Structures are given as structure tokens and as C-alpha cells.
């Protein structure tokens, strides 16, 4: 039952931001940029496992992953300059995100 409550809460936040982006895209972008997903996931993780050490490790991983995940957005800044279509921009962002995963995996091992 708790699993379904977590799904419902996370889906509501994402759905709300998606809906809001039609009327107020800047506000929706700001809301999505907030660490709402991280806040929810951290509390859900601790509630489920009751393990402070795992929660701290989880949170450190998030801290390292956030700047690495920005790689996805880089092609969107240069899309117009290079006359790229949406799917090329999006695909390039996914490719950079995959590369970022390996950077994250490498950096996390130092902490």
C-alpha cells in the first residue's frame, strides 16, 4: 500500500508541473528544478529502510548527480545555433546524460 501512495504522490507532483507548464512555463520549470523528487525520495528511503548510513550515501549520490545531470540540458542551449531539430537535441542530451552516468559512477567511488 505504501508503494502505491509513493507512486501517487510522485505522479501528482510531475503531472502538476507538466500541466502548469502550459500556462506558466517559467514557474513550472522552477518547480521542477526544486529538489522535490529528491526530498520525497530521501524521506521515502529512510522511512522504508530506517538506515541513516544508506540514506546519507543515497543523498551524497544525489548531490554528485545533480550537476552531472545538467549535461542533458546543454544541447538545448545550442540547438538554435546549430540549427538542430528537437529529436537531435533530445538524443544528444540523452547521450550526454549516459556519459554523465559514468562520470557520476567514477566520482561517487571517491566518497
C-alpha atoms as a PDB file:
ATOM      1  CA  UNK A   1       0.000   0.000   0.000  1.00  0.00           C
ATOM      2  CA  UNK A   2       2.819   2.423   0.862  1.00  0.00           C
ATOM      3  CA  UNK A   3       4.366   1.776  -2.552  1.00  0.00           C
ATOM      4  CA  UNK A   4       1.198   2.947  -4.300  1.00  0.00           C
ATOM      5  CA  UNK A   5       0.980   6.057  -2.103  1.00  0.00           C
ATOM      6  CA  UNK A   6       4.554   6.909  -3.130  1.00  0.00           C
ATOM      7  CA  UNK A   7       3.661   6.427  -6.803  1.00  0.00           C
ATOM      8  CA  UNK A   8       0.568   8.600  -6.458  1.00  0.00           C
ATOM      9  CA  UNK A   9       2.429  11.419  -4.698  1.00  0.00           C
ATOM     10  CA  UNK A  10       5.331  11.466  -7.171  1.00  0.00           C
ATOM     11  CA  UNK A  11       2.989  11.260 -10.166  1.00  0.00           C
ATOM     12  CA  UNK A  12       0.907  14.126  -8.803  1.00  0.00           C
ATOM     13  CA  UNK A  13       3.935  16.411  -8.488  1.00  0.00           C
ATOM     14  CA  UNK A  14       5.139  15.607 -12.021  1.00  0.00           C
ATOM     15  CA  UNK A  15       1.648  15.863 -13.522  1.00  0.00           C
ATOM     16  CA  UNK A  16       1.030  19.195 -11.832  1.00  0.00           C
ATOM     17  CA  UNK A  17       4.286  20.656 -13.169  1.00  0.00           C
ATOM     18  CA  UNK A  18       3.523  19.333 -16.648  1.00  0.00           C
ATOM     19  CA  UNK A  19       0.055  20.897 -16.576  1.00  0.00           C
ATOM     20  CA  UNK A  20       1.416  24.162 -15.181  1.00  0.00           C
ATOM     21  CA  UNK A  21       3.983  24.400 -17.985  1.00  0.00           C
ATOM     22  CA  UNK A  22       1.178  25.179 -20.433  1.00  0.00           C
ATOM     23  CA  UNK A  23       0.123  28.299 -18.536  1.00  0.00           C
ATOM     24  CA  UNK A  24       3.292  29.318 -16.690  1.00  0.00           C
ATOM     25  CA  UNK A  25       6.341  27.574 -18.210  1.00  0.00           C
ATOM     26  CA  UNK A  26       8.859  29.601 -16.179  1.00  0.00           C
ATOM     27  CA  UNK A  27       7.137  28.777 -12.887  1.00  0.00           C
ATOM     28  CA  UNK A  28       6.795  25.107 -13.872  1.00  0.00           C
ATOM     29  CA  UNK A  29      10.499  24.987 -14.746  1.00  0.00           C
ATOM     30  CA  UNK A  30      11.369  26.491 -11.389  1.00  0.00           C
ATOM     31  CA  UNK A  31       9.183  23.984  -9.544  1.00  0.00           C
ATOM     32  CA  UNK A  32      10.731  21.048 -11.397  1.00  0.00           C
ATOM     33  CA  UNK A  33      14.209  22.434 -10.677  1.00  0.00           C
ATOM     34  CA  UNK A  34      13.467  22.312  -6.964  1.00  0.00           C
ATOM     35  CA  UNK A  35      14.698  19.152  -5.311  1.00  0.00           C
ATOM     36  CA  UNK A  36      11.121  17.951  -4.787  1.00  0.00           C
ATOM     37  CA  UNK A  37      11.839  14.493  -6.184  1.00  0.00           C
ATOM     38  CA  UNK A  38      14.954  14.249  -4.020  1.00  0.00           C
ATOM     39  CA  UNK A  39      13.093  15.403  -0.922  1.00  0.00           C
ATOM     40  CA  UNK A  40      10.410  12.788  -1.499  1.00  0.00           C
ATOM     41  CA  UNK A  41      12.841  10.004  -2.376  1.00  0.00           C
ATOM     42  CA  UNK A  42      15.065  10.676   0.650  1.00  0.00           C
ATOM     43  CA  UNK A  43      12.176  10.586   3.101  1.00  0.00           C
ATOM     44  CA  UNK A  44      10.657   7.513   1.401  1.00  0.00           C
ATOM     45  CA  UNK A  45      14.040   5.756   1.502  1.00  0.00           C
ATOM     46  CA  UNK A  46      14.604   6.474   5.170  1.00  0.00           C
ATOM     47  CA  UNK A  47      11.034   5.513   6.058  1.00  0.00           C
ATOM     48  CA  UNK A  48      11.357   2.242   4.169  1.00  0.00           C
ATOM     49  CA  UNK A  49      14.847   1.172   5.318  1.00  0.00           C
ATOM     50  CA  UNK A  50      15.337   3.033   8.625  1.00  0.00           C
ATOM     51  CA  UNK A  51      19.083   3.165   7.861  1.00  0.00           C
ATOM     52  CA  UNK A  52      20.793   6.532   8.318  1.00  0.00           C
ATOM     53  CA  UNK A  53      24.044   5.411   6.646  1.00  0.00           C
ATOM     54  CA  UNK A  54      22.244   4.264   3.489  1.00  0.00           C
ATOM     55  CA  UNK A  55      20.255   7.493   3.456  1.00  0.00           C
ATOM     56  CA  UNK A  56      23.446   9.563   3.741  1.00  0.00           C
ATOM     57  CA  UNK A  57      25.079   7.585   0.917  1.00  0.00           C
ATOM     58  CA  UNK A  58      21.940   7.996  -1.175  1.00  0.00           C
ATOM     59  CA  UNK A  59      21.942  11.753  -0.546  1.00  0.00           C
ATOM     60  CA  UNK A  60      25.646  12.110  -1.410  1.00  0.00           C
ATOM     61  CA  UNK A  61      24.972  10.308  -4.677  1.00  0.00           C
ATOM     62  CA  UNK A  62      22.169  12.767  -5.439  1.00  0.00           C
ATOM     63  CA  UNK A  63      24.433  15.722  -4.653  1.00  0.00           C
ATOM     64  CA  UNK A  64      27.029  14.484  -7.138  1.00  0.00           C
ATOM     65  CA  UNK A  65      24.443  13.501  -9.751  1.00  0.00           C
ATOM     66  CA  UNK A  66      22.655  16.856  -9.892  1.00  0.00           C
ATOM     67  CA  UNK A  67      25.418  18.844 -11.624  1.00  0.00           C
ATOM     68  CA  UNK A  68      26.253  15.866 -13.837  1.00  0.00           C
ATOM     69  CA  UNK A  69      22.614  15.638 -14.912  1.00  0.00           C
ATOM     70  CA  UNK A  70      22.802  19.190 -16.280  1.00  0.00           C
ATOM     71  CA  UNK A  71      24.677  17.712 -19.236  1.00  0.00           C
ATOM     72  CA  UNK A  72      21.272  16.743 -20.621  1.00  0.00           C
ATOM     73  CA  UNK A  73      20.317  20.417 -20.996  1.00  0.00           C
ATOM     74  CA  UNK A  74      23.459  21.583 -22.815  1.00  0.00           C
ATOM     75  CA  UNK A  75      22.235  20.732 -26.333  1.00  0.00           C
ATOM     76  CA  UNK A  76      19.076  22.778 -25.735  1.00  0.00           C
ATOM     77  CA  UNK A  77      21.225  25.891 -25.314  1.00  0.00           C
ATOM     78  CA  UNK A  78      22.983  25.294 -28.623  1.00  0.00           C
ATOM     79  CA  UNK A  79      20.072  23.862 -30.627  1.00  0.00           C
ATOM     80  CA  UNK A  80      19.245  27.106 -32.416  1.00  0.00           C
ATOM     81  CA  UNK A  81      22.888  27.969 -33.046  1.00  0.00           C
ATOM     82  CA  UNK A  82      23.478  24.656 -34.805  1.00  0.00           C
ATOM     83  CA  UNK A  83      20.022  24.522 -36.415  1.00  0.00           C
ATOM     84  CA  UNK A  84      19.209  21.210 -34.725  1.00  0.00           C
ATOM     85  CA  UNK A  85      15.715  19.707 -34.644  1.00  0.00           C
ATOM     86  CA  UNK A  86      14.073  18.641 -31.386  1.00  0.00           C
ATOM     87  CA  UNK A  87      14.891  14.937 -31.684  1.00  0.00           C
ATOM     88  CA  UNK A  88      18.563  15.590 -32.401  1.00  0.00           C
ATOM     89  CA  UNK A  89      18.778  17.932 -29.429  1.00  0.00           C
ATOM     90  CA  UNK A  90      16.937  15.452 -27.200  1.00  0.00           C
ATOM     91  CA  UNK A  91      19.007  12.490 -28.386  1.00  0.00           C
ATOM     92  CA  UNK A  92      22.248  14.381 -27.855  1.00  0.00           C
ATOM     93  CA  UNK A  93      21.072  15.265 -24.364  1.00  0.00           C
ATOM     94  CA  UNK A  94      20.347  11.595 -23.614  1.00  0.00           C
ATOM     95  CA  UNK A  95      23.789  10.630 -24.949  1.00  0.00           C
ATOM     96  CA  UNK A  96      25.452  13.238 -22.710  1.00  0.00           C
ATOM     97  CA  UNK A  97      23.376  12.005 -19.790  1.00  0.00           C
ATOM     98  CA  UNK A  98      24.658   8.475 -20.363  1.00  0.00           C
ATOM     99  CA  UNK A  99      28.219   9.799 -20.380  1.00  0.00           C
ATOM    100  CA  UNK A 100      27.353  11.693 -17.208  1.00  0.00           C
ATOM    101  CA  UNK A 101      26.302   8.463 -15.547  1.00  0.00           C
ATOM    102  CA  UNK A 102      29.820   7.104 -15.974  1.00  0.00           C
ATOM    103  CA  UNK A 103      31.292  10.343 -14.608  1.00  0.00           C
ATOM    104  CA  UNK A 104      28.938  10.037 -11.623  1.00  0.00           C
ATOM    105  CA  UNK A 105      29.908   6.410 -11.082  1.00  0.00           C
ATOM    106  CA  UNK A 106      33.586   7.372 -11.119  1.00  0.00           C
ATOM    107  CA  UNK A 107      33.204  10.365  -8.754  1.00  0.00           C
ATOM    108  CA  UNK A 108      30.918   8.553  -6.284  1.00  0.00           C
ATOM    109  CA  UNK A 109      33.653   5.990  -5.635  1.00  0.00           C
ATOM    110  CA  UNK A 110      35.790   8.738  -4.060  1.00  0.00           C
ATOM    111  CA  UNK A 111      33.209   9.480  -1.404  1.00  0.00           C
END
